[in-house]
All heavy atoms as atom14 arrays in JSON, in Angstrom:
{
  "sequence": "GIIVVAALVRCAADLLLCDDLDTAHLRFADAE",
  "atom14_mask": [
    [1, 1, 1, 1, 0, 0, 0, 0, 0, 0, 0, 0, 0, 0],
    [1, 1, 1, 1, 1, 1, 1, 1, 0, 0, 0, 0, 0, 0],
    [1, 1, 1, 1, 1, 1, 1, 1, 0, 0, 0, 0, 0, 0],
    [1, 1, 1, 1, 1, 1, 1, 0, 0, 0, 0, 0, 0, 0],
    [1, 1, 1, 1, 1, 1, 1, 0, 0, 0, 0, 0, 0, 0],
    [1, 1, 1, 1, 1, 0, 0, 0, 0, 0, 0, 0, 0, 0],
    [1, 1, 1, 1, 1, 0, 0, 0, 0, 0, 0, 0, 0, 0],
    [1, 1, 1, 1, 1, 1, 1, 1, 0, 0, 0, 0, 0, 0],
    [1, 1, 1, 1, 1, 1, 1, 0, 0, 0, 0, 0, 0, 0],
    [1, 1, 1, 1, 1, 1, 1, 1, 1, 1, 1, 0, 0, 0],
    [1, 1, 1, 1, 1, 1, 0, 0, 0, 0, 0, 0, 0, 0],
    [1, 1, 1, 1, 1, 0, 0, 0, 0, 0, 0, 0, 0, 0],
    [1, 1, 1, 1, 1, 0, 0, 0, 0, 0, 0, 0, 0, 0],
    [1, 1, 1, 1, 1, 1, 1, 1, 0, 0, 0, 0, 0, 0],
    [1, 1, 1, 1, 1, 1, 1, 1, 0, 0, 0, 0, 0, 0],
    [1, 1, 1, 1, 1, 1, 1, 1, 0, 0, 0, 0, 0, 0],
    [1, 1, 1, 1, 1, 1, 1, 1, 0, 0, 0, 0, 0, 0],
    [1, 1, 1, 1, 1, 1, 0, 0, 0, 0, 0, 0, 0, 0],
    [1, 1, 1, 1, 1, 1, 1, 1, 0, 0, 0, 0, 0, 0],
    [1, 1, 1, 1, 1, 1, 1, 1, 0, 0, 0, 0, 0, 0],
    [1, 1, 1, 1, 1, 1, 1, 1, 0, 0, 0, 0, 0, 0],
    [1, 1, 1, 1, 1, 1, 1, 1, 0, 0, 0, 0, 0, 0],
    [1, 1, 1, 1, 1, 1, 1, 0, 0, 0, 0, 0, 0, 0],
    [1, 1, 1, 1, 1, 0, 0, 0, 0, 0, 0, 0, 0, 0],
    [1, 1, 1, 1, 1, 1, 1, 1, 1, 1, 0, 0, 0, 0],
    [1, 1, 1, 1, 1, 1, 1, 1, 0, 0, 0, 0, 0, 0],
    [1, 1, 1, 1, 1, 1, 1, 1, 1, 1, 1, 0, 0, 0],
    [1, 1, 1, 1, 1, 1, 1, 1, 1, 1, 1, 0, 0, 0],
    [1, 1, 1, 1, 1, 0, 0, 0, 0, 0, 0, 0, 0, 0],
    [1, 1, 1, 1, 1, 1, 1, 1, 0, 0, 0, 0, 0, 0],
    [1, 1, 1, 1, 1, 0, 0, 0, 0, 0, 0, 0, 0, 0],
    [1, 1, 1, 1, 1, 1, 1, 1, 1, 0, 0, 0, 0, 0]
  ],
  "atom14_positions": [
    [[-31.19, 33.52, -79.07], [-31.17, 34.94, -79.4], [-32.04, 35.7, -78.44], [-32.51, 35.18, -77.44], [0.0, 0.0, 0.0], [0.0, 0.0, 0.0], [0.0, 0.0, 0.0], [0.0, 0.0, 0.0], [0.0, 0.0, 0.0], [0.0, 0.0, 0.0], [0.0, 0.0, 0.0], [0.0, 0.0, 0.0], [0.0, 0.0, 0.0], [0.0, 0.0, 0.0]],
    [[-32.27, 36.94, -78.77], [-33.11, 37.81, -77.95], [-34.43, 38.01, -78.68], [-34.44, 38.29, -79.87], [-32.43, 39.17, -77.72], [-31.06, 38.99, -77.08], [-33.31, 40.09, -76.9], [-31.08, 38.41, -75.69], [0.0, 0.0, 0.0], [0.0, 0.0, 0.0], [0.0, 0.0, 0.0], [0.0, 0.0, 0.0], [0.0, 0.0, 0.0], [0.0, 0.0, 0.0]],
    [[-35.52, 37.83, -77.96], [-36.84, 38.07, -78.53], [-37.54, 39.13, -77.7], [-37.14, 39.44, -76.58], [-37.69, 36.77, -78.56], [-37.84, 36.18, -77.17], [-37.11, 35.78, -79.53], [-38.78, 35.01, -77.1], [0.0, 0.0, 0.0], [0.0, 0.0, 0.0], [0.0, 0.0, 0.0], [0.0, 0.0, 0.0], [0.0, 0.0, 0.0], [0.0, 0.0, 0.0]],
    [[-38.59, 39.7, -78.26], [-39.4, 40.7, -77.54], [-40.74, 40.06, -77.22], [-41.38, 39.47, -78.09], [-39.61, 41.97, -78.39], [-40.49, 42.96, -77.66], [-38.28, 42.59, -78.76], [0.0, 0.0, 0.0], [0.0, 0.0, 0.0], [0.0, 0.0, 0.0], [0.0, 0.0, 0.0], [0.0, 0.0, 0.0], [0.0, 0.0, 0.0], [0.0, 0.0, 0.0]],
    [[-41.13, 40.12, -75.95], [-42.4, 39.54, -75.52], [-43.23, 40.59, -74.8], [-42.69, 41.56, -74.27], [-42.2, 38.32, -74.59], [-41.49, 37.19, -75.31], [-41.43, 38.69, -73.35], [0.0, 0.0, 0.0], [0.0, 0.0, 0.0], [0.0, 0.0, 0.0], [0.0, 0.0, 0.0], [0.0, 0.0, 0.0], [0.0, 0.0, 0.0], [0.0, 0.0, 0.0]],
    [[-44.53, 40.37, -74.8], [-45.43, 41.24, -74.03], [-45.68, 40.56, -72.69], [-46.15, 39.43, -72.64], [-46.73, 41.44, -74.78], [0.0, 0.0, 0.0], [0.0, 0.0, 0.0], [0.0, 0.0, 0.0], [0.0, 0.0, 0.0], [0.0, 0.0, 0.0], [0.0, 0.0, 0.0], [0.0, 0.0, 0.0], [0.0, 0.0, 0.0], [0.0, 0.0, 0.0]],
    [[-45.33, 41.22, -71.62], [-45.55, 40.7, -70.26], [-46.79, 41.39, -69.69], [-46.83, 42.62, -69.62], [-44.34, 40.96, -69.39], [0.0, 0.0, 0.0], [0.0, 0.0, 0.0], [0.0, 0.0, 0.0], [0.0, 0.0, 0.0], [0.0, 0.0, 0.0], [0.0, 0.0, 0.0], [0.0, 0.0, 0.0], [0.0, 0.0, 0.0], [0.0, 0.0, 0.0]],
    [[-47.81, 40.6, -69.31], [-49.06, 41.15, -68.81], [-49.39, 40.6, -67.44], [-49.1, 39.43, -67.14], [-50.21, 40.82, -69.76], [-50.1, 41.37, -71.17], [-51.18, 40.77, -72.04], [-50.23, 42.87, -71.16], [0.0, 0.0, 0.0], [0.0, 0.0, 0.0], [0.0, 0.0, 0.0], [0.0, 0.0, 0.0], [0.0, 0.0, 0.0], [0.0, 0.0, 0.0]],
    [[-50.0, 41.43, -66.59], [-50.51, 41.0, -65.3], [-51.95, 41.46, -65.15], [-52.34, 42.49, -65.68], [-49.67, 41.53, -64.11], [-48.28, 40.95, -64.11], [-49.62, 43.03, -64.09], [0.0, 0.0, 0.0], [0.0, 0.0, 0.0], [0.0, 0.0, 0.0], [0.0, 0.0, 0.0], [0.0, 0.0, 0.0], [0.0, 0.0, 0.0], [0.0, 0.0, 0.0]],
    [[-52.73, 40.66, -64.43], [-54.11, 41.02, -64.09], [-54.16, 41.14, -62.59], [-53.77, 40.24, -61.86], [-55.06, 39.94, -64.58], [-56.51, 40.25, -64.24], [-57.43, 39.25, -64.83], [-57.22, 39.3, -66.28], [-57.83, 38.53, -67.15], [-58.69, 37.65, -66.75], [-57.59, 38.63, -68.44], [0.0, 0.0, 0.0], [0.0, 0.0, 0.0], [0.0, 0.0, 0.0]],
    [[-54.65, 42.3, -62.1], [-54.67, 42.58, -60.67], [-56.09, 42.9, -60.2], [-56.93, 43.34, -60.97], [-53.78, 43.78, -60.35], [-52.07, 43.58, -60.83], [0.0, 0.0, 0.0], [0.0, 0.0, 0.0], [0.0, 0.0, 0.0], [0.0, 0.0, 0.0], [0.0, 0.0, 0.0], [0.0, 0.0, 0.0], [0.0, 0.0, 0.0], [0.0, 0.0, 0.0]],
    [[-56.29, 42.7, -58.9], [-57.52, 43.16, -58.27], [-57.5, 44.69, -58.27], [-56.44, 45.31, -58.46], [-57.6, 42.62, -56.84], [0.0, 0.0, 0.0], [0.0, 0.0, 0.0], [0.0, 0.0, 0.0], [0.0, 0.0, 0.0], [0.0, 0.0, 0.0], [0.0, 0.0, 0.0], [0.0, 0.0, 0.0], [0.0, 0.0, 0.0], [0.0, 0.0, 0.0]],
    [[-58.63, 45.29, -58.06], [-58.75, 46.75, -58.13], [-57.81, 47.46, -57.16], [-57.32, 48.55, -57.45], [-60.19, 47.18, -57.88], [0.0, 0.0, 0.0], [0.0, 0.0, 0.0], [0.0, 0.0, 0.0], [0.0, 0.0, 0.0], [0.0, 0.0, 0.0], [0.0, 0.0, 0.0], [0.0, 0.0, 0.0], [0.0, 0.0, 0.0], [0.0, 0.0, 0.0]],
    [[-57.52, 46.84, -56.01], [-56.62, 47.46, -55.04], [-55.14, 47.21, -55.34], [-54.28, 47.67, -54.61], [-56.97, 46.99, -53.63], [-56.87, 45.48, -53.49], [-56.44, 44.79, -54.44], [-57.25, 44.97, -52.42], [0.0, 0.0, 0.0], [0.0, 0.0, 0.0], [0.0, 0.0, 0.0], [0.0, 0.0, 0.0], [0.0, 0.0, 0.0], [0.0, 0.0, 0.0]],
    [[-54.85, 46.48, -56.4], [-53.49, 46.14, -56.85], [-52.7, 45.3, -55.86], [-51.48, 45.19, -55.97], [-52.69, 47.4, -57.21], [-53.29, 48.29, -58.3], [-52.41, 49.51, -58.51], [-53.49, 47.54, -59.58], [0.0, 0.0, 0.0], [0.0, 0.0, 0.0], [0.0, 0.0, 0.0], [0.0, 0.0, 0.0], [0.0, 0.0, 0.0], [0.0, 0.0, 0.0]],
    [[-53.37, 44.69, -54.88], [-52.66, 43.86, -53.91], [-52.47, 42.43, -54.4], [-51.49, 41.78, -54.06], [-53.41, 43.86, -52.57], [-53.38, 45.18, -51.82], [-54.2, 45.08, -50.55], [-51.97, 45.62, -51.52], [0.0, 0.0, 0.0], [0.0, 0.0, 0.0], [0.0, 0.0, 0.0], [0.0, 0.0, 0.0], [0.0, 0.0, 0.0], [0.0, 0.0, 0.0]],
    [[-53.4, 41.91, -55.16], [-53.31, 40.55, -55.67], [-53.19, 40.59, -57.19], [-54.1, 41.08, -57.87], [-54.53, 39.73, -55.27], [-54.76, 39.57, -53.77], [-56.08, 38.89, -53.51], [-53.62, 38.77, -53.16], [0.0, 0.0, 0.0], [0.0, 0.0, 0.0], [0.0, 0.0, 0.0], [0.0, 0.0, 0.0], [0.0, 0.0, 0.0], [0.0, 0.0, 0.0]],
    [[-52.09, 40.09, -57.71], [-51.86, 40.1, -59.16], [-51.45, 38.71, -59.62], [-50.81, 37.96, -58.89], [-50.76, 41.09, -59.53], [-51.19, 42.8, -59.2], [0.0, 0.0, 0.0], [0.0, 0.0, 0.0], [0.0, 0.0, 0.0], [0.0, 0.0, 0.0], [0.0, 0.0, 0.0], [0.0, 0.0, 0.0], [0.0, 0.0, 0.0], [0.0, 0.0, 0.0]],
    [[-51.8, 38.39, -60.85], [-51.41, 37.14, -61.49], [-50.83, 37.45, -62.85], [-51.35, 38.29, -63.59], [-52.62, 36.22, -61.68], [-53.16, 35.69, -60.37], [-52.35, 35.29, -59.51], [-54.39, 35.67, -60.22], [0.0, 0.0, 0.0], [0.0, 0.0, 0.0], [0.0, 0.0, 0.0], [0.0, 0.0, 0.0], [0.0, 0.0, 0.0], [0.0, 0.0, 0.0]],
    [[-49.74, 36.75, -63.19], [-49.19, 36.87, -64.53], [-50.14, 36.2, -65.51], [-50.7, 35.14, -65.22], [-47.83, 36.19, -64.61], [-46.77, 36.92, -63.83], [-46.85, 38.15, -63.71], [-45.85, 36.25, -63.34], [0.0, 0.0, 0.0], [0.0, 0.0, 0.0], [0.0, 0.0, 0.0], [0.0, 0.0, 0.0], [0.0, 0.0, 0.0], [0.0, 0.0, 0.0]],
    [[-50.32, 36.81, -66.66], [-51.12, 36.21, -67.71], [-50.21, 35.44, -68.64], [-49.06, 35.83, -68.87], [-51.88, 37.29, -68.48], [-52.89, 38.07, -67.65], [-53.44, 39.24, -68.44], [-54.03, 37.16, -67.24], [0.0, 0.0, 0.0], [0.0, 0.0, 0.0], [0.0, 0.0, 0.0], [0.0, 0.0, 0.0], [0.0, 0.0, 0.0], [0.0, 0.0, 0.0]],
    [[-50.7, 34.33, -69.18], [-49.91, 33.52, -70.09], [-49.74, 34.26, -71.4], [-50.7, 34.46, -72.15], [-50.6, 32.17, -70.31], [-49.8, 31.28, -71.24], [-48.58, 31.51, -71.38], [-50.39, 30.35, -71.82], [0.0, 0.0, 0.0], [0.0, 0.0, 0.0], [0.0, 0.0, 0.0], [0.0, 0.0, 0.0], [0.0, 0.0, 0.0], [0.0, 0.0, 0.0]],
    [[-48.53, 34.7, -71.66], [-48.26, 35.45, -72.89], [-47.16, 34.79, -73.7], [-46.44, 35.45, -74.44], [-47.87, 36.9, -72.56], [-46.73, 36.88, -71.69], [-48.99, 37.66, -71.91], [0.0, 0.0, 0.0], [0.0, 0.0, 0.0], [0.0, 0.0, 0.0], [0.0, 0.0, 0.0], [0.0, 0.0, 0.0], [0.0, 0.0, 0.0], [0.0, 0.0, 0.0]],
    [[-47.02, 33.48, -73.57], [-45.96, 32.77, -74.3], [-46.12, 32.91, -75.8], [-45.14, 32.87, -76.54], [-45.97, 31.3, -73.89], [0.0, 0.0, 0.0], [0.0, 0.0, 0.0], [0.0, 0.0, 0.0], [0.0, 0.0, 0.0], [0.0, 0.0, 0.0], [0.0, 0.0, 0.0], [0.0, 0.0, 0.0], [0.0, 0.0, 0.0], [0.0, 0.0, 0.0]],
    [[-47.33, 33.08, -76.26], [-47.57, 33.2, -77.69], [-47.43, 34.63, -78.21], [-47.49, 34.86, -79.41], [-48.97, 32.68, -78.01], [-50.06, 33.45, -77.33], [-50.33, 33.32, -75.98], [-50.91, 34.4, -77.8], [-51.32, 34.13, -75.67], [-51.69, 34.8, -76.73], [0.0, 0.0, 0.0], [0.0, 0.0, 0.0], [0.0, 0.0, 0.0], [0.0, 0.0, 0.0]],
    [[-47.21, 35.6, -77.35], [-47.12, 37.0, -77.77], [-45.65, 37.4, -77.94], [-45.05, 38.05, -77.1], [-47.8, 37.91, -76.74], [-49.29, 37.69, -76.53], [-49.81, 38.59, -75.44], [-50.04, 37.94, -77.83], [0.0, 0.0, 0.0], [0.0, 0.0, 0.0], [0.0, 0.0, 0.0], [0.0, 0.0, 0.0], [0.0, 0.0, 0.0], [0.0, 0.0, 0.0]],
    [[-45.09, 37.01, -79.07], [-43.7, 37.34, -79.39], [-43.69, 38.27, -80.59], [-44.52, 38.16, -81.48], [-42.91, 36.08, -79.71], [-42.85, 35.16, -78.52], [-42.22, 33.86, -78.87], [-42.3, 32.96, -77.74], [-41.31, 32.24, -77.31], [-40.16, 32.25, -77.95], [-41.46, 31.47, -76.27], [0.0, 0.0, 0.0], [0.0, 0.0, 0.0], [0.0, 0.0, 0.0]],
    [[-42.72, 39.18, -80.6], [-42.66, 40.2, -81.64], [-41.27, 40.27, -82.25], [-40.28, 39.91, -81.62], [-43.06, 41.56, -81.06], [-44.45, 41.56, -80.5], [-44.67, 41.25, -79.17], [-45.53, 41.85, -81.3], [-45.96, 41.23, -78.65], [-46.81, 41.84, -80.8], [-47.03, 41.53, -79.47], [0.0, 0.0, 0.0], [0.0, 0.0, 0.0], [0.0, 0.0, 0.0]],
    [[-41.22, 40.79, -83.47], [-39.96, 40.91, -84.19], [-39.05, 41.97, -83.56], [-37.84, 41.82, -83.53], [-40.21, 41.24, -85.66], [0.0, 0.0, 0.0], [0.0, 0.0, 0.0], [0.0, 0.0, 0.0], [0.0, 0.0, 0.0], [0.0, 0.0, 0.0], [0.0, 0.0, 0.0], [0.0, 0.0, 0.0], [0.0, 0.0, 0.0], [0.0, 0.0, 0.0]],
    [[-39.66, 43.05, -83.05], [-38.87, 44.1, -82.42], [-39.72, 44.82, -81.37], [-40.93, 44.6, -81.27], [-38.31, 45.08, -83.44], [-39.38, 45.74, -84.29], [-40.55, 45.81, -83.86], [-39.06, 46.19, -85.4], [0.0, 0.0, 0.0], [0.0, 0.0, 0.0], [0.0, 0.0, 0.0], [0.0, 0.0, 0.0], [0.0, 0.0, 0.0], [0.0, 0.0, 0.0]],
    [[-39.08, 45.67, -80.58], [-39.77, 46.36, -79.49], [-40.84, 47.31, -80.0], [-41.88, 47.47, -79.38], [-38.75, 47.11, -78.62], [0.0, 0.0, 0.0], [0.0, 0.0, 0.0], [0.0, 0.0, 0.0], [0.0, 0.0, 0.0], [0.0, 0.0, 0.0], [0.0, 0.0, 0.0], [0.0, 0.0, 0.0], [0.0, 0.0, 0.0], [0.0, 0.0, 0.0]],
    [[-40.61, 47.94, -81.13], [-41.59, 48.88, -81.67], [-42.88, 48.16, -82.07], [-43.98, 48.66, -81.82], [-41.0, 49.62, -82.88], [-41.89, 50.72, -83.4], [-42.18, 51.79, -82.36], [-41.31, 52.09, -81.52], [-43.31, 52.32, -82.35], [0.0, 0.0, 0.0], [0.0, 0.0, 0.0], [0.0, 0.0, 0.0], [0.0, 0.0, 0.0], [0.0, 0.0, 0.0]]
  ]
}
């Protein structure tokens, strides 16, 4: 099915280097 997840990134102050944060556990029932 379709699930809603929170996708997060952490970046350096200059926004040139970013890493995805592990958000596998952040699932929600709906977008709201």
